Amino acid sequence: MPVTIKSLGIDQLSVEDRLDLIEQIWDSLPETPRAENIPDWHLNELARRRTEALARPGEGRPWREVLDELEAKP
């Protein structure tokens, strides 16, 4: 039987309890994933994006700059 929100009874929890559970799950994750736990397609996608970014220097913007701009909007 696959693990689902319903099979674990999570759908019966209050919003507050679900948020607490999310925090507990997040905190249980390792800070740095081991390489063997990273799917090959993730590594391939990262390599593809890095190659694309290096081929077009100056085209993107730093994430912090974009986030600051979004946070400044009313």
N, C-alpha and C. Protein backbone atom coordinates (compact mmCIF):
# COMPACT_ATOMS: atom_id res chain seq x y z
N MET A 1 0.84 -1.19 0.00
CA MET A 1 0.00 0.00 0.00
C MET A 1 0.88 1.25 0.00
N PRO A 2 0.67 2.14 -0.95
CA PRO A 2 1.50 3.34 -1.00
C PRO A 2 1.18 4.30 0.15
N VAL A 3 2.18 5.05 0.54
CA VAL A 3 2.00 6.04 1.60
C VAL A 3 1.34 7.28 0.99
N THR A 4 0.20 7.66 1.53
CA THR A 4 -0.52 8.84 1.06
C THR A 4 -0.98 9.65 2.26
N ILE A 5 -1.42 10.85 1.98
CA ILE A 5 -1.97 11.70 3.03
C ILE A 5 -3.13 11.01 3.72
N LYS A 6 -3.98 10.39 2.92
CA LYS A 6 -5.15 9.70 3.49
C LYS A 6 -4.75 8.46 4.28
N SER A 7 -3.82 7.66 3.75
CA SER A 7 -3.45 6.42 4.44
C SER A 7 -2.77 6.71 5.78
N LEU A 8 -2.12 7.85 5.89
CA LEU A 8 -1.48 8.24 7.15
C LEU A 8 -2.41 9.04 8.06
N GLY A 9 -3.58 9.39 7.54
CA GLY A 9 -4.53 10.16 8.34
C GLY A 9 -4.22 11.64 8.43
N ILE A 10 -3.29 12.09 7.62
CA ILE A 10 -2.89 13.50 7.66
C ILE A 10 -4.04 14.41 7.24
N ASP A 11 -4.88 13.91 6.36
CA ASP A 11 -6.02 14.72 5.91
C ASP A 11 -7.01 15.01 7.04
N GLN A 12 -6.90 14.29 8.14
CA GLN A 12 -7.79 14.49 9.27
C GLN A 12 -7.22 15.51 10.29
N LEU A 13 -5.97 15.91 10.10
CA LEU A 13 -5.34 16.84 11.02
C LEU A 13 -5.79 18.27 10.76
N SER A 14 -5.72 19.09 11.79
CA SER A 14 -6.02 20.51 11.61
C SER A 14 -4.90 21.15 10.80
N VAL A 15 -5.15 22.34 10.28
CA VAL A 15 -4.13 23.06 9.51
C VAL A 15 -2.90 23.29 10.38
N GLU A 16 -3.12 23.67 11.63
CA GLU A 16 -1.99 23.91 12.54
C GLU A 16 -1.15 22.65 12.73
N ASP A 17 -1.82 21.51 12.90
CA ASP A 17 -1.09 20.25 13.07
C ASP A 17 -0.36 19.84 11.79
N ARG A 18 -0.96 20.10 10.65
CA ARG A 18 -0.30 19.78 9.38
C ARG A 18 0.95 20.63 9.20
N LEU A 19 0.84 21.92 9.53
CA LEU A 19 2.00 22.80 9.42
C LEU A 19 3.11 22.36 10.37
N ASP A 20 2.73 21.93 11.57
CA ASP A 20 3.71 21.42 12.52
C ASP A 20 4.38 20.17 11.97
N LEU A 21 3.59 19.30 11.35
CA LEU A 21 4.13 18.08 10.76
C LEU A 21 5.09 18.41 9.62
N ILE A 22 4.73 19.38 8.80
CA ILE A 22 5.62 19.80 7.71
C ILE A 22 6.95 20.25 8.28
N GLU A 23 6.90 21.04 9.34
CA GLU A 23 8.13 21.53 9.98
C GLU A 23 8.96 20.36 10.51
N GLN A 24 8.30 19.40 11.14
CA GLN A 24 9.02 18.24 11.67
C GLN A 24 9.69 17.43 10.54
N ILE A 25 8.97 17.26 9.45
CA ILE A 25 9.53 16.52 8.31
C ILE A 25 10.70 17.29 7.74
N TRP A 26 10.54 18.60 7.55
CA TRP A 26 11.62 19.43 7.00
C TRP A 26 12.86 19.33 7.89
N ASP A 27 12.66 19.45 9.20
CA ASP A 27 13.78 19.40 10.14
C ASP A 27 14.45 18.03 10.17
N SER A 28 13.73 16.98 9.76
CA SER A 28 14.31 15.64 9.78
C SER A 28 15.18 15.36 8.55
N LEU A 29 15.12 16.21 7.55
CA LEU A 29 15.91 15.99 6.34
C LEU A 29 17.37 16.35 6.60
N PRO A 30 18.29 15.62 5.98
CA PRO A 30 19.70 15.95 6.18
C PRO A 30 20.02 17.30 5.54
N GLU A 31 20.92 18.03 6.18
CA GLU A 31 21.28 19.36 5.65
C GLU A 31 21.93 19.24 4.28
N THR A 32 22.75 18.22 4.12
CA THR A 32 23.41 17.99 2.84
C THR A 32 23.07 16.57 2.39
N PRO A 33 22.32 16.46 1.28
CA PRO A 33 21.97 15.12 0.80
C PRO A 33 23.21 14.37 0.31
N ARG A 34 23.23 13.08 0.52
CA ARG A 34 24.32 12.26 0.02
C ARG A 34 24.15 12.11 -1.49
N ALA A 35 25.25 12.07 -2.19
CA ALA A 35 25.22 12.01 -3.66
C ALA A 35 24.40 10.82 -4.17
N GLU A 36 24.45 9.70 -3.47
CA GLU A 36 23.71 8.53 -3.96
C GLU A 36 22.20 8.69 -3.83
N ASN A 37 21.75 9.71 -3.08
CA ASN A 37 20.32 9.96 -2.93
C ASN A 37 19.80 10.97 -3.95
N ILE A 38 20.68 11.50 -4.79
CA ILE A 38 20.27 12.47 -5.79
C ILE A 38 20.06 11.74 -7.12
N PRO A 39 18.84 11.81 -7.66
CA PRO A 39 18.60 11.10 -8.93
C PRO A 39 19.47 11.65 -10.07
N ASP A 40 19.86 10.77 -10.97
CA ASP A 40 20.69 11.17 -12.10
C ASP A 40 20.06 12.30 -12.90
N TRP A 41 18.73 12.26 -13.05
CA TRP A 41 18.10 13.29 -13.87
C TRP A 41 18.26 14.67 -13.22
N HIS A 42 18.33 14.74 -11.87
CA HIS A 42 18.57 16.03 -11.21
C HIS A 42 19.96 16.54 -11.55
N LEU A 43 20.94 15.66 -11.47
CA LEU A 43 22.32 16.05 -11.77
C LEU A 43 22.45 16.47 -13.23
N ASN A 44 21.78 15.74 -14.12
CA ASN A 44 21.81 16.09 -15.54
C ASN A 44 21.19 17.45 -15.79
N GLU A 45 20.07 17.72 -15.12
CA GLU A 45 19.40 19.01 -15.28
C GLU A 45 20.26 20.15 -14.75
N LEU A 46 20.89 19.95 -13.61
CA LEU A 46 21.79 20.97 -13.07
C LEU A 46 22.96 21.24 -14.03
N ALA A 47 23.52 20.18 -14.59
CA ALA A 47 24.61 20.34 -15.54
C ALA A 47 24.14 21.10 -16.79
N ARG A 48 22.95 20.78 -17.27
CA ARG A 48 22.40 21.45 -18.44
C ARG A 48 22.21 22.94 -18.17
N ARG A 49 21.65 23.26 -17.00
CA ARG A 49 21.40 24.67 -16.66
C ARG A 49 22.71 25.43 -16.46
N ARG A 50 23.70 24.78 -15.86
CA ARG A 50 24.99 25.43 -15.67
C ARG A 50 25.64 25.73 -17.02
N THR A 51 25.60 24.77 -17.92
CA THR A 51 26.16 24.97 -19.26
C THR A 51 25.46 26.12 -19.97
N GLU A 52 24.15 26.14 -19.86
CA GLU A 52 23.37 27.21 -20.49
C GLU A 52 23.71 28.58 -19.89
N ALA A 53 23.84 28.64 -18.58
CA ALA A 53 24.16 29.90 -17.91
C ALA A 53 25.56 30.38 -18.29
N LEU A 54 26.52 29.47 -18.36
CA LEU A 54 27.89 29.85 -18.71
C LEU A 54 27.99 30.31 -20.17
N ALA A 55 27.11 29.79 -21.02
CA ALA A 55 27.11 30.17 -22.44
C ALA A 55 26.52 31.55 -22.66
N ARG A 56 25.77 32.07 -21.66
CA ARG A 56 25.13 33.37 -21.81
C ARG A 56 25.39 34.24 -20.57
N PRO A 57 26.65 34.62 -20.35
CA PRO A 57 26.97 35.41 -19.17
C PRO A 57 26.26 36.76 -19.19
N GLY A 58 25.84 37.20 -18.04
CA GLY A 58 25.19 38.50 -17.93
C GLY A 58 23.72 38.51 -18.30
N GLU A 59 23.18 37.39 -18.74
CA GLU A 59 21.79 37.37 -19.16
C GLU A 59 20.83 37.25 -17.97
N GLY A 60 21.25 36.56 -16.95
CA GLY A 60 20.39 36.37 -15.78
C GLY A 60 20.60 37.45 -14.73
N ARG A 61 19.86 37.33 -13.64
CA ARG A 61 20.00 38.24 -12.51
C ARG A 61 20.12 37.42 -11.24
N PRO A 62 20.86 37.92 -10.27
CA PRO A 62 20.95 37.18 -9.01
C PRO A 62 19.57 37.07 -8.35
N TRP A 63 19.33 35.92 -7.71
CA TRP A 63 18.05 35.67 -7.08
C TRP A 63 17.73 36.73 -6.04
N ARG A 64 18.71 37.15 -5.25
CA ARG A 64 18.48 38.14 -4.21
C ARG A 64 17.96 39.43 -4.82
N GLU A 65 18.48 39.82 -5.97
CA GLU A 65 18.03 41.04 -6.65
C GLU A 65 16.56 40.93 -7.06
N VAL A 66 16.19 39.81 -7.61
CA VAL A 66 14.80 39.58 -8.03
C VAL A 66 13.88 39.57 -6.81
N LEU A 67 14.30 38.88 -5.76
CA LEU A 67 13.49 38.80 -4.55
C LEU A 67 13.31 40.17 -3.91
N ASP A 68 14.38 40.95 -3.83
CA ASP A 68 14.28 42.30 -3.28
C ASP A 68 13.28 43.15 -4.07
N GLU A 69 13.32 43.02 -5.37
CA GLU A 69 12.40 43.76 -6.23
C GLU A 69 10.95 43.35 -5.97
N LEU A 70 10.71 42.07 -5.84
CA LEU A 70 9.36 41.58 -5.58
C LEU A 70 8.86 42.02 -4.20
N GLU A 71 9.74 41.99 -3.21
CA GLU A 71 9.34 42.39 -1.85
C GLU A 71 9.08 43.88 -1.74
N ALA A 72 9.66 44.67 -2.63
CA ALA A 72 9.47 46.12 -2.59
C ALA A 72 8.16 46.57 -3.21
N LYS A 73 7.52 45.69 -3.99
CA LYS A 73 6.25 46.05 -4.64
C LYS A 73 5.15 46.14 -3.60
N PRO A 74 4.25 47.14 -3.77
CA PRO A 74 3.16 47.31 -2.80
C PRO A 74 2.10 46.22 -2.89
